[in-house]
PDB file of all heavy atoms in Angstrom:
ATOM      1  N   SER A   1       3.548  98.278 -51.091  1.00  0.00           N
ATOM      2  CA  SER A   1       3.451  99.413 -51.989  1.00  0.00           C
ATOM      3  C   SER A   1       2.418  99.115 -53.070  1.00  0.00           C
ATOM      4  O   SER A   1       2.450  98.075 -53.690  1.00  0.00           O
ATOM      5  CB  SER A   1       4.835  99.699 -52.705  1.00  0.00           C
ATOM      6  OG  SER A   1       4.718 100.728 -53.628  1.00  0.00           O
ATOM      7  N   PHE A   2       1.443 100.087 -53.245  1.00  0.00           N
ATOM      8  CA  PHE A   2       0.389  99.886 -54.229  1.00  0.00           C
ATOM      9  C   PHE A   2       0.629 100.887 -55.332  1.00  0.00           C
ATOM     10  O   PHE A   2       0.591 102.143 -55.150  1.00  0.00           O
ATOM     11  CB  PHE A   2      -0.974 100.099 -53.660  1.00  0.00           C
ATOM     12  CG  PHE A   2      -1.243  99.153 -52.514  1.00  0.00           C
ATOM     13  CD1 PHE A   2      -1.207  99.561 -51.176  1.00  0.00           C
ATOM     14  CD2 PHE A   2      -1.585  97.821 -52.778  1.00  0.00           C
ATOM     15  CE1 PHE A   2      -1.453  98.698 -50.138  1.00  0.00           C
ATOM     16  CE2 PHE A   2      -1.846  96.912 -51.775  1.00  0.00           C
ATOM     17  CZ  PHE A   2      -1.795  97.353 -50.376  1.00  0.00           C
ATOM     18  N   VAL A   3       0.978 100.413 -56.530  1.00  0.00           N
ATOM     19  CA  VAL A   3       1.327 101.240 -57.668  1.00  0.00           C
ATOM     20  C   VAL A   3       0.077 101.250 -58.651  1.00  0.00           C
ATOM     21  O   VAL A   3      -0.254 100.187 -59.245  1.00  0.00           O
ATOM     22  CB  VAL A   3       2.551 100.770 -58.416  1.00  0.00           C
ATOM     23  CG1 VAL A   3       2.870 101.681 -59.614  1.00  0.00           C
ATOM     24  CG2 VAL A   3       3.725 100.697 -57.478  1.00  0.00           C
ATOM     25  N   TRP A   4      -0.607 102.378 -58.727  1.00  0.00           N
ATOM     26  CA  TRP A   4      -1.811 102.457 -59.535  1.00  0.00           C
ATOM     27  C   TRP A   4      -1.447 102.783 -60.992  1.00  0.00           C
ATOM     28  O   TRP A   4      -0.735 103.775 -61.304  1.00  0.00           O
ATOM     29  CB  TRP A   4      -2.753 103.500 -58.906  1.00  0.00           C
ATOM     30  CG  TRP A   4      -3.126 103.084 -57.538  1.00  0.00           C
ATOM     31  CD1 TRP A   4      -2.484 103.436 -56.430  1.00  0.00           C
ATOM     32  CD2 TRP A   4      -4.165 102.223 -57.201  1.00  0.00           C
ATOM     33  NE1 TRP A   4      -3.097 102.828 -55.347  1.00  0.00           N
ATOM     34  CE2 TRP A   4      -4.134 102.052 -55.791  1.00  0.00           C
ATOM     35  CE3 TRP A   4      -5.104 101.525 -57.882  1.00  0.00           C
ATOM     36  CZ2 TRP A   4      -4.962 101.218 -55.106  1.00  0.00           C
ATOM     37  CZ3 TRP A   4      -6.030 100.723 -57.219  1.00  0.00           C
ATOM     38  CH2 TRP A   4      -5.974 100.582 -55.811  1.00  0.00           C
ATOM     39  N   HIS A   5      -1.865 101.917 -61.838  1.00  0.00           N
ATOM     40  CA  HIS A   5      -1.346 101.827 -63.228  1.00  0.00           C
ATOM     41  C   HIS A   5      -2.507 101.760 -64.176  1.00  0.00           C
ATOM     42  O   HIS A   5      -3.653 101.537 -63.792  1.00  0.00           O
ATOM     43  CB  HIS A   5      -0.403 100.620 -63.325  1.00  0.00           C
ATOM     44  CG  HIS A   5       0.749 100.750 -64.262  1.00  0.00           C
ATOM     45  ND1 HIS A   5       0.644 100.555 -65.611  1.00  0.00           N
ATOM     46  CD2 HIS A   5       2.032 101.098 -64.016  1.00  0.00           C
ATOM     47  CE1 HIS A   5       1.828 100.711 -66.155  1.00  0.00           C
ATOM     48  NE2 HIS A   5       2.707 101.042 -65.198  1.00  0.00           N
ATOM     49  N   GLY A   6      -2.229 101.875 -65.486  1.00  0.00           N
ATOM     50  CA  GLY A   6      -3.286 101.730 -66.507  1.00  0.00           C
ATOM     51  C   GLY A   6      -2.826 101.038 -67.723  1.00  0.00           C
ATOM     52  O   GLY A   6      -1.942 100.194 -67.682  1.00  0.00           O
ATOM     53  N   GLY A   7      -3.344 101.517 -68.896  1.00  0.00           N
ATOM     54  CA  GLY A   7      -4.104 102.737 -69.172  1.00  0.00           C
ATOM     55  C   GLY A   7      -3.565 103.998 -68.462  1.00  0.00           C
ATOM     56  O   GLY A   7      -2.425 104.077 -68.077  1.00  0.00           O
ATOM     57  N   GLU A   8      -4.458 104.907 -68.333  1.00  0.00           N
ATOM     58  CA  GLU A   8      -4.160 106.135 -67.580  1.00  0.00           C
ATOM     59  C   GLU A   8      -4.999 106.116 -66.299  1.00  0.00           C
ATOM     60  O   GLU A   8      -6.184 106.446 -66.304  1.00  0.00           O
ATOM     61  CB  GLU A   8      -4.437 107.369 -68.448  1.00  0.00           C
ATOM     62  CG  GLU A   8      -4.345 108.678 -67.744  1.00  0.00           C
ATOM     63  CD  GLU A   8      -3.103 108.834 -66.898  1.00  0.00           C
ATOM     64  OE1 GLU A   8      -1.989 108.626 -67.404  1.00  0.00           O
ATOM     65  OE2 GLU A   8      -3.237 109.105 -65.670  1.00  0.00           O
ATOM     66  N   PRO A   9      -4.373 105.882 -65.135  1.00  0.00           N
ATOM     67  CA  PRO A   9      -5.094 105.804 -63.931  1.00  0.00           C
ATOM     68  C   PRO A   9      -5.762 107.058 -63.476  1.00  0.00           C
ATOM     69  O   PRO A   9      -6.819 107.000 -62.730  1.00  0.00           O
ATOM     70  CB  PRO A   9      -4.049 105.235 -62.896  1.00  0.00           C
ATOM     71  CG  PRO A   9      -2.763 105.648 -63.481  1.00  0.00           C
ATOM     72  CD  PRO A   9      -2.923 105.580 -65.002  1.00  0.00           C
ATOM     73  N   LEU A  10      -5.218 108.197 -63.863  1.00  0.00           N
ATOM     74  CA  LEU A  10      -5.790 109.458 -63.359  1.00  0.00           C
ATOM     75  C   LEU A  10      -7.069 109.879 -64.156  1.00  0.00           C
ATOM     76  O   LEU A  10      -7.640 110.943 -63.886  1.00  0.00           O
ATOM     77  CB  LEU A  10      -4.803 110.589 -63.377  1.00  0.00           C
ATOM     78  CG  LEU A  10      -3.665 110.463 -62.347  1.00  0.00           C
ATOM     79  CD1 LEU A  10      -2.772 111.701 -62.375  1.00  0.00           C
ATOM     80  CD2 LEU A  10      -4.189 110.181 -60.947  1.00  0.00           C
ATOM     81  N   LEU A  11      -7.488 109.006 -65.081  1.00  0.00           N
ATOM     82  CA  LEU A  11      -8.838 109.222 -65.698  1.00  0.00           C
ATOM     83  C   LEU A  11      -9.933 108.760 -64.754  1.00  0.00           C
ATOM     84  O   LEU A  11     -11.146 109.034 -64.968  1.00  0.00           O
ATOM     85  CB  LEU A  11      -8.926 108.496 -67.029  1.00  0.00           C
ATOM     86  CG  LEU A  11      -8.025 109.114 -68.114  1.00  0.00           C
ATOM     87  CD1 LEU A  11      -8.121 108.277 -69.385  1.00  0.00           C
ATOM     88  CD2 LEU A  11      -8.381 110.566 -68.392  1.00  0.00           C
ATOM     89  N   LEU A  12      -9.564 108.035 -63.721  1.00  0.00           N
ATOM     90  CA  LEU A  12     -10.556 107.682 -62.685  1.00  0.00           C
ATOM     91  C   LEU A  12     -10.966 108.885 -61.909  1.00  0.00           C
ATOM     92  O   LEU A  12     -10.175 109.844 -61.792  1.00  0.00           O
ATOM     93  CB  LEU A  12     -10.021 106.613 -61.684  1.00  0.00           C
ATOM     94  CG  LEU A  12     -10.192 105.116 -62.063  1.00  0.00           C
ATOM     95  CD1 LEU A  12      -9.465 104.803 -63.282  1.00  0.00           C
ATOM     96  CD2 LEU A  12      -9.751 104.243 -60.906  1.00  0.00           C
ATOM     97  N   SER A  13     -12.116 108.900 -61.317  1.00  0.00           N
ATOM     98  CA  SER A  13     -12.609 110.086 -60.594  1.00  0.00           C
ATOM     99  C   SER A  13     -11.962 110.179 -59.211  1.00  0.00           C
ATOM    100  O   SER A  13     -11.471 109.169 -58.722  1.00  0.00           O
ATOM    101  CB  SER A  13     -14.101 109.974 -60.411  1.00  0.00           C
ATOM    102  OG  SER A  13     -14.457 108.915 -59.483  1.00  0.00           O
ATOM    103  N   PRO A  14     -11.918 111.382 -58.667  1.00  0.00           N
ATOM    104  CA  PRO A  14     -11.445 111.506 -57.291  1.00  0.00           C
ATOM    105  C   PRO A  14     -12.237 110.670 -56.326  1.00  0.00           C
ATOM    106  O   PRO A  14     -11.695 110.092 -55.349  1.00  0.00           O
ATOM    107  CB  PRO A  14     -11.633 113.001 -56.956  1.00  0.00           C
ATOM    108  CG  PRO A  14     -11.553 113.674 -58.320  1.00  0.00           C
ATOM    109  CD  PRO A  14     -12.222 112.694 -59.238  1.00  0.00           C
ATOM    110  N   GLY A  15     -13.525 110.442 -56.588  1.00  0.00           N
ATOM    111  CA  GLY A  15     -14.310 109.583 -55.747  1.00  0.00           C
ATOM    112  C   GLY A  15     -13.845 108.171 -55.717  1.00  0.00           C
ATOM    113  O   GLY A  15     -13.888 107.488 -54.675  1.00  0.00           O
ATOM    114  N   ALA A  16     -13.377 107.688 -56.862  1.00  0.00           N
ATOM    115  CA  ALA A  16     -12.806 106.339 -56.867  1.00  0.00           C
ATOM    116  C   ALA A  16     -11.610 106.208 -55.991  1.00  0.00           C
ATOM    117  O   ALA A  16     -11.418 105.192 -55.297  1.00  0.00           O
ATOM    118  CB  ALA A  16     -12.491 105.934 -58.323  1.00  0.00           C
ATOM    119  N   TYR A  17     -10.740 107.230 -56.016  1.00  0.00           N
ATOM    120  CA  TYR A  17      -9.589 107.190 -55.131  1.00  0.00           C
ATOM    121  C   TYR A  17      -9.882 107.368 -53.706  1.00  0.00           C
ATOM    122  O   TYR A  17      -9.298 106.779 -52.785  1.00  0.00           O
ATOM    123  CB  TYR A  17      -8.555 108.199 -55.620  1.00  0.00           C
ATOM    124  CG  TYR A  17      -7.857 107.792 -56.866  1.00  0.00           C
ATOM    125  CD1 TYR A  17      -8.151 108.338 -58.106  1.00  0.00           C
ATOM    126  CD2 TYR A  17      -6.863 106.750 -56.830  1.00  0.00           C
ATOM    127  CE1 TYR A  17      -7.528 107.877 -59.267  1.00  0.00           C
ATOM    128  CE2 TYR A  17      -6.203 106.336 -57.929  1.00  0.00           C
ATOM    129  CZ  TYR A  17      -6.545 106.848 -59.159  1.00  0.00           C
ATOM    130  OH  TYR A  17      -5.882 106.446 -60.265  1.00  0.00           O
ATOM    131  N   ALA A  18     -10.981 108.181 -53.388  1.00  0.00           N
ATOM    132  CA  ALA A  18     -11.422 108.311 -52.028  1.00  0.00           C
ATOM    133  C   ALA A  18     -11.906 106.986 -51.460  1.00  0.00           C
ATOM    134  O   ALA A  18     -11.646 106.659 -50.292  1.00  0.00           O
ATOM    135  CB  ALA A  18     -12.526 109.385 -51.926  1.00  0.00           C
ATOM    136  N   ALA A  19     -12.619 106.208 -52.311  1.00  0.00           N
ATOM    137  CA  ALA A  19     -13.043 104.890 -51.865  1.00  0.00           C
ATOM    138  C   ALA A  19     -11.897 103.950 -51.643  1.00  0.00           C
ATOM    139  O   ALA A  19     -11.894 103.110 -50.730  1.00  0.00           O
ATOM    140  CB  ALA A  19     -13.986 104.311 -52.945  1.00  0.00           C
ATOM    141  N   ILE A  20     -10.808 104.057 -52.432  1.00  0.00           N
ATOM    142  CA  ILE A  20      -9.658 103.233 -52.218  1.00  0.00           C
ATOM    143  C   ILE A  20      -9.039 103.544 -50.867  1.00  0.00           C
ATOM    144  O   ILE A  20      -8.657 102.630 -50.076  1.00  0.00           O
ATOM    145  CB  ILE A  20      -8.662 103.498 -53.377  1.00  0.00           C
ATOM    146  CG1 ILE A  20      -9.148 102.779 -54.653  1.00  0.00           C
ATOM    147  CG2 ILE A  20      -7.253 102.966 -52.954  1.00  0.00           C
ATOM    148  CD1 ILE A  20      -8.368 103.277 -55.898  1.00  0.00           C
ATOM    149  N   VAL A  21      -8.849 104.828 -50.598  1.00  0.00           N
ATOM    150  CA  VAL A  21      -8.315 105.242 -49.292  1.00  0.00           C
ATOM    151  C   VAL A  21      -9.113 104.715 -48.116  1.00  0.00           C
ATOM    152  O   VAL A  21      -8.565 104.168 -47.140  1.00  0.00           O
ATOM    153  CB  VAL A  21      -8.202 106.755 -49.193  1.00  0.00           C
ATOM    154  CG1 VAL A  21      -7.808 107.211 -47.792  1.00  0.00           C
ATOM    155  CG2 VAL A  21      -7.181 107.287 -50.171  1.00  0.00           C
ATOM    156  N   THR A  22     -10.447 104.806 -48.238  1.00  0.00           N
ATOM    157  CA  THR A  22     -11.315 104.308 -47.185  1.00  0.00           C
ATOM    158  C   THR A  22     -11.093 102.797 -46.952  1.00  0.00           C
ATOM    159  O   THR A  22     -11.038 102.311 -45.816  1.00  0.00           O
ATOM    160  CB  THR A  22     -12.794 104.609 -47.561  1.00  0.00           C
ATOM    161  OG1 THR A  22     -12.937 106.028 -47.606  1.00  0.00           O
ATOM    162  CG2 THR A  22     -13.701 104.025 -46.464  1.00  0.00           C
ATOM    163  N   GLN A  23     -11.100 102.033 -48.048  1.00  0.00           N
ATOM    164  CA  GLN A  23     -10.885 100.605 -47.944  1.00  0.00           C
ATOM    165  C   GLN A  23      -9.529 100.271 -47.308  1.00  0.00           C
ATOM    166  O   GLN A  23      -9.472  99.350 -46.465  1.00  0.00           O
ATOM    167  CB  GLN A  23     -11.011  99.921 -49.300  1.00  0.00           C
ATOM    168  CG  GLN A  23     -12.429  99.838 -49.853  1.00  0.00           C
ATOM    169  CD  GLN A  23     -12.481  98.983 -51.065  1.00  0.00           C
ATOM    170  OE1 GLN A  23     -11.445  98.753 -51.762  1.00  0.00           O
ATOM    171  NE2 GLN A  23     -13.636  98.452 -51.354  1.00  0.00           N
ATOM    172  N   GLN A  24      -8.509 100.884 -47.745  1.00  0.00           N
ATOM    173  CA  GLN A  24      -7.164 100.632 -47.149  1.00  0.00           C
ATOM    174  C   GLN A  24      -7.165 100.898 -45.677  1.00  0.00           C
ATOM    175  O   GLN A  24      -6.647 100.073 -44.880  1.00  0.00           O
ATOM    176  CB  GLN A  24      -6.123 101.472 -47.919  1.00  0.00           C
ATOM    177  CG  GLN A  24      -5.809 101.017 -49.312  1.00  0.00           C
ATOM    178  CD  GLN A  24      -4.820 101.883 -50.006  1.00  0.00           C
ATOM    179  OE1 GLN A  24      -4.702 103.046 -49.783  1.00  0.00           O
ATOM    180  NE2 GLN A  24      -4.039 101.289 -50.946  1.00  0.00           N
ATOM    181  N   GLN A  25      -7.676 102.028 -45.247  1.00  0.00           N
ATOM    182  CA  GLN A  25      -7.677 102.367 -43.865  1.00  0.00           C
ATOM    183  C   GLN A  25      -8.522 101.424 -43.010  1.00  0.00           C
ATOM    184  O   GLN A  25      -8.191 101.102 -41.863  1.00  0.00           O
ATOM    185  CB  GLN A  25      -8.202 103.823 -43.662  1.00  0.00           C
ATOM    186  CG  GLN A  25      -7.263 104.832 -44.225  1.00  0.00           C
ATOM    187  CD  GLN A  25      -7.800 106.252 -44.180  1.00  0.00           C
ATOM    188  OE1 GLN A  25      -9.056 106.460 -44.081  1.00  0.00           O
ATOM    189  NE2 GLN A  25      -6.945 107.270 -44.299  1.00  0.00           N
TER     190      GLN A  25
END
């Protein structure tokens, strides 16, 4: 389980999260 935390993690861009998904897959 990967829990994305901060700070406020949703201040990251959608592109940053898209890159995370690509790396995980």
